[in-house]
N, C-alpha and C. Protein backbone atom coordinates (compact mmCIF):
# COMPACT_ATOMS: atom_id res chain seq x y z
N MET A 1 -98.29 20.54 130.75
CA MET A 1 -97.64 21.15 131.93
C MET A 1 -98.76 20.47 132.43
N ASP A 2 -98.14 19.89 133.83
CA ASP A 2 -98.67 18.79 134.70
C ASP A 2 -100.00 20.33 135.54
N LYS A 3 -100.82 19.85 135.57
CA LYS A 3 -102.35 20.18 136.29
C LYS A 3 -101.84 21.37 137.38
N GLN A 4 -100.97 20.74 138.33
CA GLN A 4 -100.62 20.58 139.99
C GLN A 4 -99.60 21.91 139.59
N VAL A 5 -98.80 22.30 138.14
CA VAL A 5 -97.94 23.11 137.66
C VAL A 5 -98.59 24.12 137.29
N THR A 6 -99.88 23.89 136.49
CA THR A 6 -100.48 25.28 136.21
C THR A 6 -101.19 25.67 136.95
N PHE A 7 -101.51 25.03 138.26
CA PHE A 7 -102.66 25.86 139.27
C PHE A 7 -100.87 26.83 139.81
N LEU A 8 -100.26 26.29 140.14
CA LEU A 8 -99.03 26.87 140.85
C LEU A 8 -98.80 28.17 140.49
N LEU A 9 -98.75 27.63 139.13
CA LEU A 9 -98.41 29.32 138.31
C LEU A 9 -99.44 30.44 138.32
N GLY A 10 -100.62 29.84 137.97
CA GLY A 10 -101.71 30.76 138.38
C GLY A 10 -101.69 31.50 139.50
N GLN A 11 -101.67 30.88 140.59
CA GLN A 11 -100.98 31.33 142.04
C GLN A 11 -99.98 32.32 142.09
N ARG A 12 -99.15 32.00 141.65
CA ARG A 12 -98.06 32.80 141.83
C ARG A 12 -98.25 33.91 140.67
N LEU A 13 -98.97 33.81 139.36
CA LEU A 13 -99.30 34.89 138.53
C LEU A 13 -99.96 36.20 139.36
N ARG A 14 -101.23 35.26 140.11
CA ARG A 14 -101.94 36.38 140.99
C ARG A 14 -101.64 36.75 142.10
N SER A 15 -100.35 36.14 142.73
CA SER A 15 -99.96 36.63 143.78
C SER A 15 -98.88 37.88 143.27
N LEU A 16 -98.10 37.69 142.46
CA LEU A 16 -97.10 38.80 141.71
C LEU A 16 -98.29 40.38 141.55
N ARG A 17 -99.43 39.79 140.55
CA ARG A 17 -100.07 41.05 140.50
C ARG A 17 -100.59 41.66 141.59
N LYS A 18 -101.37 41.12 142.49
CA LYS A 18 -101.81 41.99 143.54
C LYS A 18 -100.96 42.23 144.34
N GLY A 19 -99.35 41.80 144.52
CA GLY A 19 -98.14 42.89 145.16
C GLY A 19 -97.90 43.82 144.58
N GLN A 20 -98.02 43.75 143.22
CA GLN A 20 -98.17 45.33 142.39
C GLN A 20 -99.21 45.85 142.11
N HIS A 21 -100.54 45.49 142.85
CA HIS A 21 -101.62 46.22 143.01
C HIS A 21 -101.63 46.35 141.41
N LEU A 22 -102.16 45.48 140.82
CA LEU A 22 -102.37 45.83 139.06
C LEU A 22 -103.59 44.68 139.23
N THR A 23 -104.54 45.66 138.28
CA THR A 23 -105.84 44.54 137.75
C THR A 23 -105.59 43.35 136.71
N GLN A 24 -106.29 42.55 136.53
CA GLN A 24 -106.03 41.76 135.57
C GLN A 24 -105.64 42.01 134.21
N GLU A 25 -106.20 43.24 133.72
CA GLU A 25 -106.44 44.04 132.71
C GLU A 25 -105.02 45.26 132.49
N GLU A 26 -104.78 45.66 133.60
CA GLU A 26 -103.34 46.38 133.35
C GLU A 26 -101.98 45.30 133.28
N LEU A 27 -102.22 44.16 133.93
CA LEU A 27 -101.12 43.06 133.84
C LEU A 27 -101.19 42.22 132.28
N ALA A 28 -102.69 42.57 132.15
CA ALA A 28 -102.50 41.97 130.41
C ALA A 28 -102.11 42.84 129.50
N ASP A 29 -102.35 44.00 129.49
CA ASP A 29 -101.79 45.23 128.45
C ASP A 29 -100.59 45.43 128.68
N ARG A 30 -99.84 45.42 129.82
CA ARG A 30 -98.20 45.25 129.80
C ARG A 30 -97.31 44.03 129.44
N ALA A 31 -98.24 43.05 129.41
CA ALA A 31 -97.47 41.78 129.15
C ALA A 31 -98.02 41.50 127.85
N LYS A 32 -98.62 42.44 126.75
CA LYS A 32 -99.61 42.42 125.47
C LYS A 32 -99.66 40.63 125.55
N VAL A 33 -101.06 40.11 126.72
CA VAL A 33 -101.41 38.85 126.25
C VAL A 33 -103.09 39.48 126.54
N ASN A 34 -104.00 38.36 126.33
CA ASN A 34 -105.63 38.53 126.04
C ASN A 34 -105.99 38.38 127.67
N VAL A 35 -106.64 39.29 128.16
CA VAL A 35 -107.01 39.47 129.31
C VAL A 35 -107.85 38.21 129.64
N LYS A 36 -108.60 37.44 128.67
CA LYS A 36 -109.67 36.22 128.63
C LYS A 36 -108.22 35.30 129.02
N HIS A 37 -107.18 35.42 128.15
CA HIS A 37 -106.13 34.20 128.81
C HIS A 37 -105.33 34.41 130.09
N LEU A 38 -104.98 35.77 130.89
CA LEU A 38 -104.64 35.95 132.16
C LEU A 38 -105.80 35.48 133.09
N GLN A 39 -106.78 35.39 132.70
CA GLN A 39 -108.30 35.05 133.39
C GLN A 39 -108.13 33.38 133.77
N ARG A 40 -107.65 32.68 132.29
CA ARG A 40 -107.89 31.70 132.58
C ARG A 40 -106.85 31.03 132.95
N LEU A 41 -105.46 31.47 133.07
CA LEU A 41 -104.07 31.15 134.12
C LEU A 41 -104.21 31.32 135.19
N GLU A 42 -104.99 32.41 135.54
CA GLU A 42 -105.56 32.51 137.16
C GLU A 42 -106.82 31.79 137.72
N GLY A 43 -107.21 31.24 136.91
CA GLY A 43 -108.44 30.57 137.60
C GLY A 43 -108.49 28.94 138.10
N LYS A 44 -109.68 29.11 138.73
CA LYS A 44 -109.38 27.67 139.60
C LYS A 44 -109.36 26.02 138.52
N ASN A 45 -109.45 26.27 137.11
CA ASN A 45 -109.00 25.08 136.69
C ASN A 45 -108.13 25.91 135.09
N PRO A 46 -106.95 26.35 135.30
CA PRO A 46 -106.19 27.23 134.61
C PRO A 46 -105.69 25.92 133.27
N SER A 47 -105.69 27.26 132.08
CA SER A 47 -105.36 26.67 131.34
C SER A 47 -103.70 26.78 130.84
N ARG A 48 -103.22 25.93 130.05
CA ARG A 48 -101.83 25.79 129.47
C ARG A 48 -101.37 27.43 129.15
N ALA A 49 -99.78 27.75 129.57
CA ALA A 49 -99.37 28.84 129.02
C ALA A 49 -98.13 28.34 128.05
N ASN A 50 -97.95 29.49 127.30
CA ASN A 50 -97.15 28.96 126.25
C ASN A 50 -96.05 30.06 126.79
N ILE A 51 -94.87 29.33 126.00
CA ILE A 51 -93.58 30.44 126.00
C ILE A 51 -93.51 32.04 126.49
N GLU A 52 -94.17 31.94 125.19
CA GLU A 52 -94.12 33.38 124.74
C GLU A 52 -94.97 34.49 125.91
N SER A 53 -95.95 33.73 125.98
CA SER A 53 -96.78 34.72 127.12
C SER A 53 -96.42 34.31 128.47
N LEU A 54 -95.91 33.26 128.99
CA LEU A 54 -94.79 33.56 130.00
C LEU A 54 -93.59 33.98 130.24
N GLN A 55 -92.50 34.88 128.96
CA GLN A 55 -92.19 35.81 128.86
C GLN A 55 -92.35 36.69 129.20
N ASN A 56 -93.52 37.16 127.94
CA ASN A 56 -94.39 38.52 128.02
C ASN A 56 -94.77 38.96 129.42
N LEU A 57 -95.14 37.91 130.08
CA LEU A 57 -95.65 38.35 131.97
C LEU A 57 -94.48 37.94 132.83
N ALA A 58 -93.37 37.67 132.49
CA ALA A 58 -92.21 38.12 132.70
C ALA A 58 -91.33 39.56 132.86
N ASP A 59 -91.46 39.40 131.83
CA ASP A 59 -91.17 40.98 131.41
C ASP A 59 -92.22 42.47 131.72
N ALA A 60 -93.55 41.74 131.42
CA ALA A 60 -94.21 43.33 132.81
C ALA A 60 -93.80 43.13 134.28
N PHE A 61 -93.56 42.06 134.40
CA PHE A 61 -93.00 42.08 136.09
C PHE A 61 -91.80 42.28 136.34
N GLU A 62 -91.00 42.48 135.35
CA GLU A 62 -89.39 43.44 135.06
C GLU A 62 -88.80 42.27 135.65
N MET A 63 -89.07 40.98 135.84
CA MET A 63 -88.45 39.75 135.72
C MET A 63 -87.61 38.73 135.35
N PRO A 64 -86.95 37.77 134.97
CA PRO A 64 -86.33 37.17 134.57
C PRO A 64 -87.46 35.93 134.56
N LEU A 65 -87.37 35.12 133.04
CA LEU A 65 -88.65 33.92 133.21
C LEU A 65 -88.14 32.78 134.06
N TRP A 66 -86.76 32.36 134.73
CA TRP A 66 -86.63 31.56 135.55
C TRP A 66 -87.43 32.07 137.02
N LYS A 67 -87.31 33.43 137.25
CA LYS A 67 -87.75 33.78 138.45
C LYS A 67 -88.94 33.42 138.78
N LEU A 68 -90.08 34.24 137.77
CA LEU A 68 -91.07 33.83 137.46
C LEU A 68 -91.85 32.51 137.77
N LEU A 69 -90.89 31.62 137.27
CA LEU A 69 -91.34 30.23 137.48
C LEU A 69 -91.01 29.78 138.53
N LYS A 70 -90.48 30.34 139.57
CA LYS A 70 -89.47 29.68 140.74
C LYS A 70 -90.81 29.58 142.06
N PHE A 71 -91.61 29.06 141.97
CA PHE A 71 -92.35 28.74 142.93
C PHE A 71 -92.21 27.40 144.04
N GLU A 72 -93.04 27.47 145.12
CA GLU A 72 -92.91 26.34 146.25
C GLU A 72 -93.89 25.38 145.58
N SER A 73 -93.65 24.24 145.79
CA SER A 73 -94.80 23.23 145.19
C SER A 73 -94.95 21.99 146.43
């Protein structure tokens, strides 16, 4: 995954999380992902996300995966 894409994904995750008034810990619990992984995804130098964690995050936000990945570049 391109660094620009991973950065935009991190911004999208943070925006959605804050929009639902969730902490990183709450979202990680809902999505069944490690909180450290979520912190790395939202960080300034984001790590790569695998399809399973992306699907789990989309499920936690109650949206289809394509909608989670829809962001402006």
